[in-house]
Protein backbone atom coordinates (compact mmCIF):
# COMPACT_ATOMS: atom_id res chain seq x y z
CA MET A 1 35.51 -15.34 14.73
CA SER A 2 32.82 -12.78 15.96
CA THR A 3 29.09 -13.51 14.89
CA THR A 4 27.53 -10.31 13.84
CA LEU A 5 23.66 -9.33 14.12
CA ALA A 6 23.71 -9.72 9.88
CA ASP A 7 24.89 -13.36 10.42
CA VAL A 8 22.24 -14.08 13.17
CA LEU A 9 19.57 -12.57 11.12
CA ALA A 10 21.03 -14.39 7.75
CA ALA A 11 20.72 -17.43 9.88
CA ALA A 12 17.30 -16.99 11.41
CA ALA A 13 15.72 -16.24 7.78
CA THR A 14 16.98 -20.02 7.05
CA LEU A 15 14.69 -21.38 9.56
CA PRO A 16 11.41 -22.42 9.09
CA VAL A 17 8.26 -20.29 9.96
CA ALA A 18 7.31 -21.96 12.91
CA ASP A 19 10.94 -21.94 14.24
CA GLN A 20 11.33 -17.91 13.44
CA LEU A 21 8.22 -17.52 15.30
CA ALA A 22 9.78 -19.43 18.51
CA LEU A 23 12.99 -17.45 18.15
CA ILE A 24 10.86 -14.13 18.25
CA ASP A 25 9.06 -15.34 21.49
CA HIS A 26 12.04 -16.49 22.83
CA LEU A 27 13.90 -12.96 22.21
CA LEU A 28 11.00 -11.08 23.46
CA GLU A 29 10.70 -12.89 26.71
CA GLY A 30 14.54 -12.70 26.99
CA ILE A 31 13.96 -8.74 27.34
CA ASP A 32 14.66 -7.24 30.89
CA GLU A 33 11.31 -5.05 31.22
CA THR A 34 13.12 -3.69 34.51
CA GLU A 35 15.66 -2.42 32.49
CA SER A 36 15.34 1.15 31.02
CA LEU A 37 14.17 1.34 27.75
CA PRO A 38 15.07 4.25 25.09
CA GLU A 39 12.54 7.06 25.72
CA LEU A 40 10.44 8.17 23.20
CA SER A 41 10.91 11.56 21.37
CA GLU A 42 8.14 14.41 22.07
CA ALA A 43 7.30 14.57 18.27
CA TRP A 44 6.45 10.14 18.33
CA LYS A 45 4.46 10.67 21.51
CA THR A 46 2.44 13.21 19.71
CA GLU A 47 2.39 11.25 16.57
CA ILE A 48 1.65 8.08 18.60
CA ALA A 49 -1.44 10.21 20.26
CA ARG A 50 -2.71 11.50 17.26
CA ARG A 51 -2.94 8.09 15.43
CA SER A 52 -4.56 6.49 18.32
CA ALA A 53 -7.33 9.37 18.66
CA GLU A 54 -8.02 8.95 14.61
CA TYR A 55 -8.39 5.03 15.31
CA ASP A 56 -10.39 5.42 18.25
CA ALA A 57 -12.83 7.90 16.37
CA GLY A 58 -12.97 5.29 13.63
CA GLY A 59 -10.98 7.63 11.01
CA VAL A 60 -8.57 5.03 9.79
CA THR A 61 -9.28 1.71 7.93
CA THR A 62 -6.85 -0.90 9.27
CA VAL A 63 -5.01 -3.24 7.04
CA SER A 64 -4.07 -6.80 8.23
CA TRP A 65 -0.70 -8.05 8.63
CA GLN A 66 -1.05 -10.51 5.50
CA GLU A 67 -2.08 -7.58 3.11
CA ILE A 68 0.98 -5.34 4.63
CA ARG A 69 3.49 -8.45 4.06
CA GLU A 70 2.07 -9.07 0.39
CA ARG A 71 2.85 -5.37 -0.03
CA TRP A 72 6.16 -5.35 1.02
CA ARG A 73 7.13 -8.45 -0.53
CA ALA A 74 5.93 -7.02 -3.86
CA THR A 75 7.76 -3.96 -3.40
CA ARG A 76 10.78 -6.15 -2.70
CA ASN A 77 10.42 -8.17 -5.46
CA ALA A 78 9.99 -5.37 -8.03
CA ASP A 79 12.97 -3.85 -6.80
CA GLY A 80 15.12 -6.93 -7.88
């Protein structure tokens, strides 16, 4: 029997938060930084530069991770 990404994600979702965070750390440490990562498109590079400049100029208000997570959960719960 082959394990799929969906199986792994479902299993990871059942872990306590501390274990989920440890899993994230473990996965990030396992990424070989010498391996070539997919190249960003010019459109994404332009958008990143635009957003960075806007942030650096003080033209945006940031939102905490907690607020983003709460909004996402509210949206997800509203969808049923």
